[in-house]
Amino acid sequence: MAEPGPEPYAFEPVLWQPRPNARVARPNNSDEELEEEAERLPRRTNNLNWCVCQVHCMIMATERECLCCGEVEECLNLMDAHTSCITESQAFQSAGLTEASLKAAIVLMRYTKGL
């Protein structure tokens, strides 16, 4: 019988790659041009003008966190014509608000993203 010793990594790190339809900076723009464009646009951390659903969006600490369900294609696919926010959809009500589904989501995030 082998002696207990260090265990190998349980999960190999996963290389993050953006989704094919994700917004990415145009490669032909220089860093200076991108910075100038960002300065011209209103910052999401200062207002809620970016909120499409006009229901539950909140100003968050970073620009990346300021995201509306109306900007996410996966959320839009779950909403019907009478739903303006993902939190009002039947899919969210049945799966997104139960304690078990939230715990499962945390486990899945830790497993897939190493969080």
PDB file of N, CA and C in Angstrom:
ATOM      1  N   MET A   1       0.854  -1.177   0.000  1.00  0.00           N
ATOM      2  CA  MET A   1       0.000   0.000   0.000  1.00  0.00           C
ATOM      3  C   MET A   1       0.898   1.239   0.000  1.00  0.00           C
ATOM      4  N   ALA A   2       0.575   2.210  -0.852  1.00  0.00           N
ATOM      5  CA  ALA A   2       1.379   3.426  -0.967  1.00  0.00           C
ATOM      6  C   ALA A   2       1.114   4.347   0.213  1.00  0.00           C
ATOM      7  N   GLU A   3       2.173   5.054   0.596  1.00  0.00           N
ATOM      8  CA  GLU A   3       2.028   6.005   1.694  1.00  0.00           C
ATOM      9  C   GLU A   3       1.291   7.245   1.209  1.00  0.00           C
ATOM     10  N   PRO A   4       0.482   7.850   2.096  1.00  0.00           N
ATOM     11  CA  PRO A   4      -0.198   9.082   1.679  1.00  0.00           C
ATOM     12  C   PRO A   4       0.827  10.182   1.428  1.00  0.00           C
ATOM     13  N   GLY A   5       0.589  10.940   0.434  1.00  0.00           N
ATOM     14  CA  GLY A   5       1.494  12.025   0.074  1.00  0.00           C
ATOM     15  C   GLY A   5       0.718  13.137  -0.594  1.00  0.00           C
ATOM     16  N   PRO A   6       1.418  14.011  -1.239  1.00  0.00           N
ATOM     17  CA  PRO A   6       0.719  15.105  -1.913  1.00  0.00           C
ATOM     18  C   PRO A   6      -0.206  14.565  -2.998  1.00  0.00           C
ATOM     19  N   GLU A   7      -1.359  15.173  -3.103  1.00  0.00           N
ATOM     20  CA  GLU A   7      -2.338  14.799  -4.114  1.00  0.00           C
ATOM     21  C   GLU A   7      -2.115  15.649  -5.362  1.00  0.00           C
ATOM     22  N   PRO A   8      -2.308  15.082  -6.539  1.00  0.00           N
ATOM     23  CA  PRO A   8      -2.209  15.899  -7.749  1.00  0.00           C
ATOM     24  C   PRO A   8      -3.412  16.839  -7.826  1.00  0.00           C
ATOM     25  N   TYR A   9      -3.346  17.802  -8.753  1.00  0.00           N
ATOM     26  CA  TYR A   9      -4.466  18.714  -8.941  1.00  0.00           C
ATOM     27  C   TYR A   9      -5.734  17.926  -9.240  1.00  0.00           C
ATOM     28  N   ALA A  10      -6.816  18.299  -8.597  1.00  0.00           N
ATOM     29  CA  ALA A  10      -8.084  17.630  -8.851  1.00  0.00           C
ATOM     30  C   ALA A  10      -8.607  17.987 -10.240  1.00  0.00           C
ATOM     31  N   PHE A  11      -8.386  19.227 -10.651  1.00  0.00           N
ATOM     32  CA  PHE A  11      -8.881  19.683 -11.949  1.00  0.00           C
ATOM     33  C   PHE A  11      -7.788  20.499 -12.612  1.00  0.00           C
ATOM     34  N   GLU A  12      -7.577  20.244 -13.884  1.00  0.00           N
ATOM     35  CA  GLU A  12      -6.609  21.027 -14.630  1.00  0.00           C
ATOM     36  C   GLU A  12      -7.200  22.403 -14.903  1.00  0.00           C
ATOM     37  N   PRO A  13      -6.386  23.446 -14.908  1.00  0.00           N
ATOM     38  CA  PRO A  13      -6.905  24.778 -15.239  1.00  0.00           C
ATOM     39  C   PRO A  13      -7.462  24.797 -16.658  1.00  0.00           C
ATOM     40  N   VAL A  14      -8.528  25.558 -16.838  1.00  0.00           N
ATOM     41  CA  VAL A  14      -9.172  25.663 -18.144  1.00  0.00           C
ATOM     42  C   VAL A  14      -8.785  26.994 -18.762  1.00  0.00           C
ATOM     43  N   LEU A  15      -8.352  26.942 -20.015  1.00  0.00           N
ATOM     44  CA  LEU A  15      -8.003  28.157 -20.735  1.00  0.00           C
ATOM     45  C   LEU A  15      -9.272  28.906 -21.070  1.00  0.00           C
ATOM     46  N   TRP A  16      -9.359  30.164 -20.635  1.00  0.00           N
ATOM     47  CA  TRP A  16     -10.539  30.975 -20.926  1.00  0.00           C
ATOM     48  C   TRP A  16     -10.443  31.504 -22.333  1.00  0.00           C
ATOM     49  N   GLN A  17     -11.526  31.341 -23.075  1.00  0.00           N
ATOM     50  CA  GLN A  17     -11.620  31.903 -24.414  1.00  0.00           C
ATOM     51  C   GLN A  17     -12.976  32.582 -24.530  1.00  0.00           C
ATOM     52  N   PRO A  18     -13.015  33.754 -25.162  1.00  0.00           N
ATOM     53  CA  PRO A  18     -14.296  34.438 -25.296  1.00  0.00           C
ATOM     54  C   PRO A  18     -15.267  33.645 -26.161  1.00  0.00           C
ATOM     55  N   ARG A  19     -16.565  33.819 -25.891  1.00  0.00           N
ATOM     56  CA  ARG A  19     -17.578  33.171 -26.716  1.00  0.00           C
ATOM     57  C   ARG A  19     -17.473  33.717 -28.135  1.00  0.00           C
ATOM     58  N   PRO A  20     -17.865  32.929 -29.130  1.00  0.00           N
ATOM     59  CA  PRO A  20     -17.749  33.379 -30.513  1.00  0.00           C
ATOM     60  C   PRO A  20     -18.508  34.681 -30.794  1.00  0.00           C
ATOM     61  N   ASN A  21     -19.653  34.910 -30.124  1.00  0.00           N
ATOM     62  CA  ASN A  21     -20.431  36.116 -30.389  1.00  0.00           C
ATOM     63  C   ASN A  21     -20.188  37.207 -29.353  1.00  0.00           C
ATOM     64  N   ALA A  22     -19.175  37.050 -28.524  1.00  0.00           N
ATOM     65  CA  ALA A  22     -18.884  38.048 -27.495  1.00  0.00           C
ATOM     66  C   ALA A  22     -18.307  39.307 -28.126  1.00  0.00           C
ATOM     67  N   ARG A  23     -18.572  40.429 -27.476  1.00  0.00           N
ATOM     68  CA  ARG A  23     -18.021  41.692 -27.966  1.00  0.00           C
ATOM     69  C   ARG A  23     -16.540  41.754 -27.627  1.00  0.00           C
ATOM     70  N   VAL A  24     -15.740  42.017 -28.619  1.00  0.00           N
ATOM     71  CA  VAL A  24     -14.307  42.169 -28.390  1.00  0.00           C
ATOM     72  C   VAL A  24     -13.847  43.449 -29.067  1.00  0.00           C
ATOM     73  N   ALA A  25     -12.766  43.999 -28.584  1.00  0.00           N
ATOM     74  CA  ALA A  25     -12.224  45.225 -29.183  1.00  0.00           C
ATOM     75  C   ALA A  25     -11.774  44.926 -30.599  1.00  0.00           C
ATOM     76  N   ARG A  26     -12.016  45.851 -31.479  1.00  0.00           N
ATOM     77  CA  ARG A  26     -11.583  45.680 -32.866  1.00  0.00           C
ATOM     78  C   ARG A  26     -10.059  45.728 -32.927  1.00  0.00           C
ATOM     79  N   PRO A  27      -9.431  44.729 -33.539  1.00  0.00           N
ATOM     80  CA  PRO A  27      -7.973  44.666 -33.550  1.00  0.00           C
ATOM     81  C   PRO A  27      -7.306  45.793 -34.324  1.00  0.00           C
ATOM     82  N   ASN A  28      -8.025  46.437 -35.244  1.00  0.00           N
ATOM     83  CA  ASN A  28      -7.388  47.494 -36.025  1.00  0.00           C
ATOM     84  C   ASN A  28      -7.332  48.820 -35.263  1.00  0.00           C
ATOM     85  N   ASN A  29      -7.940  48.899 -34.101  1.00  0.00           N
ATOM     86  CA  ASN A  29      -7.868  50.113 -33.294  1.00  0.00           C
ATOM     87  C   ASN A  29      -6.662  50.057 -32.364  1.00  0.00           C
ATOM     88  N   SER A  30      -5.996  51.171 -32.240  1.00  0.00           N
ATOM     89  CA  SER A  30      -4.876  51.228 -31.317  1.00  0.00           C
ATOM     90  C   SER A  30      -5.412  51.387 -29.890  1.00  0.00           C
ATOM     91  N   ASP A  31      -4.560  51.171 -28.910  1.00  0.00           N
ATOM     92  CA  ASP A  31      -4.960  51.344 -27.517  1.00  0.00           C
ATOM     93  C   ASP A  31      -5.423  52.774 -27.259  1.00  0.00           C
ATOM     94  N   GLU A  32      -4.760  53.727 -27.884  1.00  0.00           N
ATOM     95  CA  GLU A  32      -5.138  55.132 -27.699  1.00  0.00           C
ATOM     96  C   GLU A  32      -6.542  55.389 -28.239  1.00  0.00           C
ATOM     97  N   GLU A  33      -6.847  54.831 -29.419  1.00  0.00           N
ATOM     98  CA  GLU A  33      -8.176  55.027 -29.997  1.00  0.00           C
ATOM     99  C   GLU A  33      -9.245  54.404 -29.107  1.00  0.00           C
ATOM    100  N   LEU A  34      -8.967  53.219 -28.568  1.00  0.00           N
ATOM    101  CA  LEU A  34      -9.926  52.561 -27.691  1.00  0.00           C
ATOM    102  C   LEU A  34     -10.139  53.360 -26.407  1.00  0.00           C
ATOM    103  N   GLU A  35      -9.080  53.920 -25.855  1.00  0.00           N
ATOM    104  CA  GLU A  35      -9.200  54.739 -24.651  1.00  0.00           C
ATOM    105  C   GLU A  35     -10.015  55.990 -24.925  1.00  0.00           C
ATOM    106  N   GLU A  36      -9.768  56.633 -26.089  1.00  0.00           N
ATOM    107  CA  GLU A  36     -10.523  57.827 -26.454  1.00  0.00           C
ATOM    108  C   GLU A  36     -12.003  57.504 -26.629  1.00  0.00           C
ATOM    109  N   GLU A  37     -12.296  56.372 -27.248  1.00  0.00           N
ATOM    110  CA  GLU A  37     -13.684  55.961 -27.440  1.00  0.00           C
ATOM    111  C   GLU A  37     -14.351  55.696 -26.096  1.00  0.00           C
ATOM    112  N   ALA A  38     -13.647  55.057 -25.180  1.00  0.00           N
ATOM    113  CA  ALA A  38     -14.191  54.773 -23.846  1.00  0.00           C
ATOM    114  C   ALA A  38     -14.461  56.065 -23.080  1.00  0.00           C
ATOM    115  N   GLU A  39     -13.618  57.084 -23.273  1.00  0.00           N
ATOM    116  CA  GLU A  39     -13.822  58.358 -22.589  1.00  0.00           C
ATOM    117  C   GLU A  39     -15.046  59.088 -23.137  1.00  0.00           C
ATOM    118  N   ARG A  40     -15.334  58.930 -24.425  1.00  0.00           N
ATOM    119  CA  ARG A  40     -16.485  59.595 -25.032  1.00  0.00           C
ATOM    120  C   ARG A  40     -17.799  58.975 -24.581  1.00  0.00           C
ATOM    121  N   LEU A  41     -17.803  57.676 -24.347  1.00  0.00           N
ATOM    122  CA  LEU A  41     -19.025  56.985 -23.952  1.00  0.00           C
ATOM    123  C   LEU A  41     -19.309  57.215 -22.468  1.00  0.00           C
ATOM    124  N   PRO A  42     -20.584  57.325 -22.097  1.00  0.00           N
ATOM    125  CA  PRO A  42     -20.897  57.484 -20.674  1.00  0.00           C
ATOM    126  C   PRO A  42     -20.532  56.216 -19.911  1.00  0.00           C
ATOM    127  N   ARG A  43     -20.004  56.396 -18.725  1.00  0.00           N
ATOM    128  CA  ARG A  43     -19.601  55.248 -17.912  1.00  0.00           C
ATOM    129  C   ARG A  43     -20.829  54.597 -17.289  1.00  0.00           C
ATOM    130  N   ARG A  44     -20.841  53.285 -17.304  1.00  0.00           N
ATOM    131  CA  ARG A  44     -21.963  52.538 -16.739  1.00  0.00           C
ATOM    132  C   ARG A  44     -22.000  52.624 -15.224  1.00  0.00           C
ATOM    133  N   THR A  45     -20.887  52.934 -14.609  1.00  0.00           N
ATOM    134  CA  THR A  45     -20.862  53.001 -13.151  1.00  0.00           C
ATOM    135  C   THR A  45     -21.419  54.320 -12.632  1.00  0.00           C
ATOM    136  N   ASN A  46     -21.827  55.218 -13.528  1.00  0.00           N
ATOM    137  CA  ASN A  46     -22.370  56.515 -13.116  1.00  0.00           C
ATOM    138  C   ASN A  46     -23.874  56.639 -13.302  1.00  0.00           C
ATOM    139  N   ASN A  47     -24.480  55.726 -14.083  1.00  0.00           N
ATOM    140  CA  ASN A  47     -25.903  55.855 -14.375  1.00  0.00           C
ATOM    141  C   ASN A  47     -26.478  54.500 -14.774  1.00  0.00           C
ATOM    142  N   LEU A  48     -27.791  54.455 -14.973  1.00  0.00           N
ATOM    143  CA  LEU A  48     -28.463  53.225 -15.410  1.00  0.00           C
ATOM    144  C   LEU A  48     -28.989  53.341 -16.843  1.00  0.00           C
ATOM    145  N   ASN A  49     -28.483  54.265 -17.616  1.00  0.00           N
ATOM    146  CA  ASN A  49     -28.944  54.453 -18.991  1.00  0.00           C
ATOM    147  C   ASN A  49     -28.703  53.216 -19.848  1.00  0.00           C
ATOM    148  N   TRP A  50     -27.780  52.375 -19.477  1.00  0.00           N
ATOM    149  CA  TRP A  50     -27.450  51.171 -20.229  1.00  0.00           C
ATOM    150  C   TRP A  50     -28.433  50.035 -19.980  1.00  0.00           C
ATOM    151  N   CYS A  51     -29.276  50.147 -18.964  1.00  0.00           N
ATOM    152  CA  CYS A  51     -30.207  49.082 -18.597  1.00  0.00           C
ATOM    153  C   CYS A  51     -31.320  48.992 -19.635  1.00  0.00           C
ATOM    154  N   VAL A  52     -31.447  47.849 -20.275  1.00  0.00           N
ATOM    155  CA  VAL A  52     -32.446  47.636 -21.309  1.00  0.00           C
ATOM    156  C   VAL A  52     -33.782  47.229 -20.698  1.00  0.00           C
ATOM    157  N   CYS A  53     -33.757  46.388 -19.682  1.00  0.00           N
ATOM    158  CA  CYS A  53     -34.997  45.853 -19.115  1.00  0.00           C
ATOM    159  C   CYS A  53     -35.710  46.851 -18.201  1.00  0.00           C
ATOM    160  N   GLN A  54     -34.985  47.799 -17.635  1.00  0.00           N
ATOM    161  CA  GLN A  54     -35.540  48.820 -16.739  1.00  0.00           C
ATOM    162  C   GLN A  54     -36.240  48.214 -15.522  1.00  0.00           C
ATOM    163  N   VAL A  55     -35.724  47.070 -15.030  1.00  0.00           N
ATOM    164  CA  VAL A  55     -36.366  46.413 -13.892  1.00  0.00           C
ATOM    165  C   VAL A  55     -35.418  46.280 -12.708  1.00  0.00           C
ATOM    166  N   HIS A  56     -34.405  45.442 -12.828  1.00  0.00           N
ATOM    167  CA  HIS A  56     -33.585  45.109 -11.669  1.00  0.00           C
ATOM    168  C   HIS A  56     -32.109  45.456 -11.794  1.00  0.00           C
ATOM    169  N   CYS A  57     -31.690  46.138 -12.820  1.00  0.00           N
ATOM    170  CA  CYS A  57     -30.279  46.475 -12.961  1.00  0.00           C
ATOM    171  C   CYS A  57     -29.856  47.447 -11.861  1.00  0.00           C
ATOM    172  N   MET A  58     -28.607  47.320 -11.460  1.00  0.00           N
ATOM    173  CA  MET A  58     -28.052  48.193 -10.428  1.00  0.00           C
ATOM    174  C   MET A  58     -26.676  48.658 -10.873  1.00  0.00           C
ATOM    175  N   ILE A  59     -26.270  49.808 -10.389  1.00  0.00           N
ATOM    176  CA  ILE A  59     -24.917  50.276 -10.648  1.00  0.00           C
ATOM    177  C   ILE A  59     -23.974  49.435  -9.797  1.00  0.00           C
ATOM    178  N   MET A  60     -22.978  48.856 -10.441  1.00  0.00           N
ATOM    179  CA  MET A  60     -22.027  47.989  -9.762  1.00  0.00           C
ATOM    180  C   MET A  60     -20.671  48.688  -9.683  1.00  0.00           C
ATOM    181  N   ALA A  61     -19.719  48.045  -9.047  1.00  0.00           N
ATOM    182  CA  ALA A  61     -18.406  48.646  -8.810  1.00  0.00           C
ATOM    183  C   ALA A  61     -17.580  48.808 -10.086  1.00  0.00           C
ATOM    184  N   THR A  62     -17.720  47.877 -11.034  1.00  0.00           N
ATOM    185  CA  THR A  62     -16.906  47.937 -12.252  1.00  0.00           C
ATOM    186  C   THR A  62     -17.796  47.935 -13.496  1.00  0.00           C
ATOM    187  N   GLU A  63     -17.248  48.413 -14.603  1.00  0.00           N
ATOM    188  CA  GLU A  63     -17.972  48.425 -15.871  1.00  0.00           C
ATOM    189  C   GLU A  63     -18.388  47.013 -16.274  1.00  0.00           C
ATOM    190  N   ARG A  64     -17.509  46.064 -16.055  1.00  0.00           N
ATOM    191  CA  ARG A  64     -17.762  44.676 -16.451  1.00  0.00           C
ATOM    192  C   ARG A  64     -18.980  44.101 -15.731  1.00  0.00           C
ATOM    193  N   GLU A  65     -19.199  44.508 -14.496  1.00  0.00           N
ATOM    194  CA  GLU A  65     -20.322  44.006 -13.721  1.00  0.00           C
ATOM    195  C   GLU A  65     -21.642  44.673 -14.108  1.00  0.00           C
ATOM    196  N   CYS A  66     -21.582  45.822 -14.728  1.00  0.00           N
ATOM    197  CA  CYS A  66     -22.785  46.556 -15.128  1.00  0.00           C
ATOM    198  C   CYS A  66     -23.300  45.964 -16.436  1.00  0.00           C
ATOM    199  N   LEU A  67     -24.104  44.943 -16.328  1.00  0.00           N
ATOM    200  CA  LEU A  67     -24.596  44.227 -17.489  1.00  0.00           C
ATOM    201  C   LEU A  67     -26.076  43.946 -17.302  1.00  0.00           C
ATOM    202  N   CYS A  68     -26.847  44.171 -18.330  1.00  0.00           N
ATOM    203  CA  CYS A  68     -28.290  43.951 -18.285  1.00  0.00           C
ATOM    204  C   CYS A  68     -28.630  42.634 -18.971  1.00  0.00           C
ATOM    205  N   CYS A  69     -29.655  41.954 -18.485  1.00  0.00           N
ATOM    206  CA  CYS A  69     -30.078  40.697 -19.110  1.00  0.00           C
ATOM    207  C   CYS A  69     -30.490  40.919 -20.561  1.00  0.00           C
ATOM    208  N   GLY A  70     -30.930  42.130 -20.885  1.00  0.00           N
ATOM    209  CA  GLY A  70     -31.315  42.448 -22.256  1.00  0.00           C
ATOM    210  C   GLY A  70     -30.146  42.528 -23.218  1.00  0.00           C
ATOM    211  N   GLU A  71     -28.925  42.487 -22.688  1.00  0.00           N
ATOM    212  CA  GLU A  71     -27.721  42.506 -23.517  1.00  0.00           C
ATOM    213  C   GLU A  71     -27.120  41.118 -23.692  1.00  0.00           C
ATOM    214  N   VAL A  72     -27.681  40.126 -23.027  1.00  0.00           N
ATOM    215  CA  VAL A  72     -27.129  38.768 -23.041  1.00  0.00           C
ATOM    216  C   VAL A  72     -28.052  37.860 -23.853  1.00  0.00           C
ATOM    217  N   GLU A  73     -27.543  37.354 -24.957  1.00  0.00           N
ATOM    218  CA  GLU A  73     -28.366  36.555 -25.867  1.00  0.00           C
ATOM    219  C   GLU A  73     -28.975  35.335 -25.175  1.00  0.00           C
ATOM    220  N   GLU A  74     -28.217  34.685 -24.308  1.00  0.00           N
ATOM    221  CA  GLU A  74     -28.726  33.511 -23.612  1.00  0.00           C
ATOM    222  C   GLU A  74     -29.939  33.857 -22.750  1.00  0.00           C
ATOM    223  N   CYS A  75     -29.926  35.036 -22.136  1.00  0.00           N
ATOM    224  CA  CYS A  75     -31.076  35.482 -21.337  1.00  0.00           C
ATOM    225  C   CYS A  75     -32.262  35.794 -22.236  1.00  0.00           C
ATOM    226  N   LEU A  76     -32.006  36.472 -23.336  1.00  0.00           N
ATOM    227  CA  LEU A  76     -33.088  36.825 -24.262  1.00  0.00           C
ATOM    228  C   LEU A  76     -33.784  35.580 -24.806  1.00  0.00           C
ATOM    229  N   ASN A  77     -33.031  34.502 -25.003  1.00  0.00           N
ATOM    230  CA  ASN A  77     -33.611  33.256 -25.503  1.00  0.00           C
ATOM    231  C   ASN A  77     -34.566  32.632 -24.496  1.00  0.00           C
ATOM    232  N   LEU A  78     -34.396  32.926 -23.210  1.00  0.00           N
ATOM    233  CA  LEU A  78     -35.261  32.360 -22.174  1.00  0.00           C
ATOM    234  C   LEU A  78     -36.497  33.215 -21.891  1.00  0.00           C
ATOM    235  N   MET A  79     -36.528  34.411 -22.446  1.00  0.00           N
ATOM    236  CA  MET A  79     -37.630  35.333 -22.166  1.00  0.00           C
ATOM    237  C   MET A  79     -38.659  35.300 -23.292  1.00  0.00           C
ATOM    238  N   ASP A  80     -39.938  35.458 -22.934  1.00  0.00           N
ATOM    239  CA  ASP A  80     -40.971  35.532 -23.968  1.00  0.00           C
ATOM    240  C   ASP A  80     -41.300  36.990 -24.264  1.00  0.00           C
ATOM    241  N   ALA A  81     -42.250  37.214 -25.144  1.00  0.00           N
ATOM    242  CA  ALA A  81     -42.575  38.575 -25.586  1.00  0.00           C
ATOM    243  C   ALA A  81     -43.145  39.433 -24.460  1.00  0.00           C
ATOM    244  N   HIS A  82     -43.709  38.816 -23.425  1.00  0.00           N
ATOM    245  CA  HIS A  82     -44.334  39.559 -22.330  1.00  0.00           C
ATOM    246  C   HIS A  82     -43.384  39.784 -21.156  1.00  0.00           C
ATOM    247  N   THR A  83     -42.151  39.348 -21.289  1.00  0.00           N
ATOM    248  CA  THR A  83     -41.176  39.454 -20.206  1.00  0.00           C
ATOM    249  C   THR A  83     -40.122  40.488 -20.572  1.00  0.00           C
ATOM    250  N   SER A  84     -39.929  41.457 -19.706  1.00  0.00           N
ATOM    251  CA  SER A  84     -38.921  42.484 -19.990  1.00  0.00           C
ATOM    252  C   SER A  84     -37.607  42.216 -19.265  1.00  0.00           C
ATOM    253  N   CYS A  85     -37.626  41.350 -18.250  1.00  0.00           N
ATOM    254  CA  CYS A  85     -36.419  41.054 -17.456  1.00  0.00           C
ATOM    255  C   CYS A  85     -36.346  39.554 -17.203  1.00  0.00           C
ATOM    256  N   ILE A  86     -35.149  39.009 -17.208  1.00  0.00           N
ATOM    257  CA  ILE A  86     -34.963  37.571 -16.972  1.00  0.00           C
ATOM    258  C   ILE A  86     -35.511  37.145 -15.617  1.00  0.00           C
ATOM    259  N   THR A  87     -35.504  38.048 -14.645  1.00  0.00           N
ATOM    260  CA  THR A  87     -36.009  37.691 -13.309  1.00  0.00           C
ATOM    261  C   THR A  87     -37.519  37.486 -13.309  1.00  0.00           C
ATOM    262  N   GLU A  88     -38.210  37.957 -14.348  1.00  0.00           N
ATOM    263  CA  GLU A  88     -39.655  37.770 -14.458  1.00  0.00           C
ATOM    264  C   GLU A  88     -40.016  36.521 -15.257  1.00  0.00           C
ATOM    265  N   SER A  89     -39.035  35.865 -15.856  1.00  0.00           N
ATOM    266  CA  SER A  89     -39.316  34.700 -16.695  1.00  0.00           C
ATOM    267  C   SER A  89     -39.573  33.467 -15.840  1.00  0.00           C
ATOM    268  N   GLN A  90     -40.345  32.546 -16.393  1.00  0.00           N
ATOM    269  CA  GLN A  90     -40.658  31.305 -15.689  1.00  0.00           C
ATOM    270  C   GLN A  90     -39.388  30.482 -15.467  1.00  0.00           C
ATOM    271  N   ALA A  91     -38.464  30.514 -16.423  1.00  0.00           N
ATOM    272  CA  ALA A  91     -37.213  29.758 -16.293  1.00  0.00           C
ATOM    273  C   ALA A  91     -36.426  30.229 -15.077  1.00  0.00           C
ATOM    274  N   PHE A  92     -36.363  31.525 -14.861  1.00  0.00           N
ATOM    275  CA  PHE A  92     -35.621  32.066 -13.723  1.00  0.00           C
ATOM    276  C   PHE A  92     -36.353  31.761 -12.422  1.00  0.00           C
ATOM    277  N   GLN A  93     -37.663  31.917 -12.420  1.00  0.00           N
ATOM    278  CA  GLN A  93     -38.441  31.679 -11.210  1.00  0.00           C
ATOM    279  C   GLN A  93     -38.323  30.229 -10.747  1.00  0.00           C
ATOM    280  N   SER A  94     -38.325  29.292 -11.685  1.00  0.00           N
ATOM    281  CA  SER A  94     -38.292  27.887 -11.298  1.00  0.00           C
ATOM    282  C   SER A  94     -36.889  27.384 -10.979  1.00  0.00           C
ATOM    283  N   ALA A  95     -35.865  27.961 -11.608  1.00  0.00           N
ATOM    284  CA  ALA A  95     -34.516  27.445 -11.404  1.00  0.00           C
ATOM    285  C   ALA A  95     -33.587  28.432 -10.704  1.00  0.00           C
ATOM    286  N   GLY A  96     -33.783  29.695 -10.920  1.00  0.00           N
ATOM    287  CA  GLY A  96     -32.831  30.678 -10.423  1.00  0.00           C
ATOM    288  C   GLY A  96     -33.000  31.083  -8.978  1.00  0.00           C
ATOM    289  N   LEU A  97     -34.128  30.802  -8.396  1.00  0.00           N
ATOM    290  CA  LEU A  97     -34.372  31.275  -7.039  1.00  0.00           C
ATOM    291  C   LEU A  97     -34.397  30.183  -5.981  1.00  0.00           C
ATOM    292  N   THR A  98     -34.205  28.929  -6.359  1.00  0.00           N
ATOM    293  CA  THR A  98     -34.203  27.873  -5.353  1.00  0.00           C
ATOM    294  C   THR A  98     -32.808  27.729  -4.753  1.00  0.00           C
ATOM    295  N   GLU A  99     -32.759  27.416  -3.481  1.00  0.00           N
ATOM    296  CA  GLU A  99     -31.476  27.287  -2.783  1.00  0.00           C
ATOM    297  C   GLU A  99     -30.614  26.199  -3.427  1.00  0.00           C
ATOM    298  N   ALA A 100     -31.230  25.099  -3.805  1.00  0.00           N
ATOM    299  CA  ALA A 100     -30.474  23.993  -4.403  1.00  0.00           C
ATOM    300  C   ALA A 100     -29.846  24.399  -5.735  1.00  0.00           C
ATOM    301  N   SER A 101     -30.593  25.142  -6.564  1.00  0.00           N
ATOM    302  CA  SER A 101     -30.035  25.528  -7.862  1.00  0.00           C
ATOM    303  C   SER A 101     -28.918  26.548  -7.701  1.00  0.00           C
ATOM    304  N   LEU A 102     -29.035  27.440  -6.719  1.00  0.00           N
ATOM    305  CA  LEU A 102     -27.960  28.407  -6.477  1.00  0.00           C
ATOM    306  C   LEU A 102     -26.696  27.711  -5.969  1.00  0.00           C
ATOM    307  N   LYS A 103     -26.858  26.729  -5.102  1.00  0.00           N
ATOM    308  CA  LYS A 103     -25.693  25.972  -4.625  1.00  0.00           C
ATOM    309  C   LYS A 103     -25.054  25.203  -5.776  1.00  0.00           C
ATOM    310  N   ALA A 104     -25.880  24.616  -6.638  1.00  0.00           N
ATOM    311  CA  ALA A 104     -25.353  23.877  -7.790  1.00  0.00           C
ATOM    312  C   ALA A 104     -24.597  24.815  -8.722  1.00  0.00           C
ATOM    313  N   ALA A 105     -25.093  26.024  -8.903  1.00  0.00           N
ATOM    314  CA  ALA A 105     -24.412  26.995  -9.760  1.00  0.00           C
ATOM    315  C   ALA A 105     -23.053  27.374  -9.189  1.00  0.00           C
ATOM    316  N   ILE A 106     -22.976  27.533  -7.881  1.00  0.00           N
ATOM    317  CA  ILE A 106     -21.702  27.859  -7.236  1.00  0.00           C
ATOM    318  C   ILE A 106     -20.701  26.722  -7.433  1.00  0.00           C
ATOM    319  N   VAL A 107     -21.154  25.504  -7.229  1.00  0.00           N
ATOM    320  CA  VAL A 107     -20.276  24.337  -7.414  1.00  0.00           C
ATOM    321  C   VAL A 107     -19.799  24.273  -8.860  1.00  0.00           C
ATOM    322  N   LEU A 108     -20.709  24.488  -9.804  1.00  0.00           N
ATOM    323  CA  LEU A 108     -20.348  24.447 -11.214  1.00  0.00           C
ATOM    324  C   LEU A 108     -19.342  25.536 -11.565  1.00  0.00           C
ATOM    325  N   MET A 109     -19.536  26.739 -11.039  1.00  0.00           N
ATOM    326  CA  MET A 109     -18.575  27.827 -11.299  1.00  0.00           C
ATOM    327  C   MET A 109     -17.214  27.494 -10.734  1.00  0.00           C
ATOM    328  N   ARG A 110     -17.194  26.967  -9.541  1.00  0.00           N
ATOM    329  CA  ARG A 110     -15.899  26.602  -8.930  1.00  0.00           C
ATOM    330  C   ARG A 110     -15.224  25.506  -9.730  1.00  0.00           C
ATOM    331  N   TYR A 111     -16.005  24.580 -10.217  1.00  0.00           N
ATOM    332  CA  TYR A 111     -15.448  23.462 -10.982  1.00  0.00           C
ATOM    333  C   TYR A 111     -14.933  23.930 -12.338  1.00  0.00           C
ATOM    334  N   THR A 112     -15.721  24.744 -13.041  1.00  0.00           N
ATOM    335  CA  THR A 112     -15.341  25.119 -14.404  1.00  0.00           C
ATOM    336  C   THR A 112     -14.409  26.312 -14.470  1.00  0.00           C
ATOM    337  N   LYS A 113     -14.522  27.249 -13.536  1.00  0.00           N
ATOM    338  CA  LYS A 113     -13.708  28.471 -13.601  1.00  0.00           C
ATOM    339  C   LYS A 113     -12.660  28.539 -12.508  1.00  0.00           C
ATOM    340  N   GLY A 114     -12.672  27.589 -11.614  1.00  0.00           N
ATOM    341  CA  GLY A 114     -11.680  27.596 -10.543  1.00  0.00           C
ATOM    342  C   GLY A 114     -11.894  28.694  -9.521  1.00  0.00           C
ATOM    343  N   LEU A 115     -13.134  29.123  -9.358  1.00  0.00           N
ATOM    344  CA  LEU A 115     -13.437  30.187  -8.398  1.00  0.00           C
ATOM    345  C   LEU A 115     -13.608  29.656  -6.998  1.00  0.00           C
TER     346      LEU A 115
END
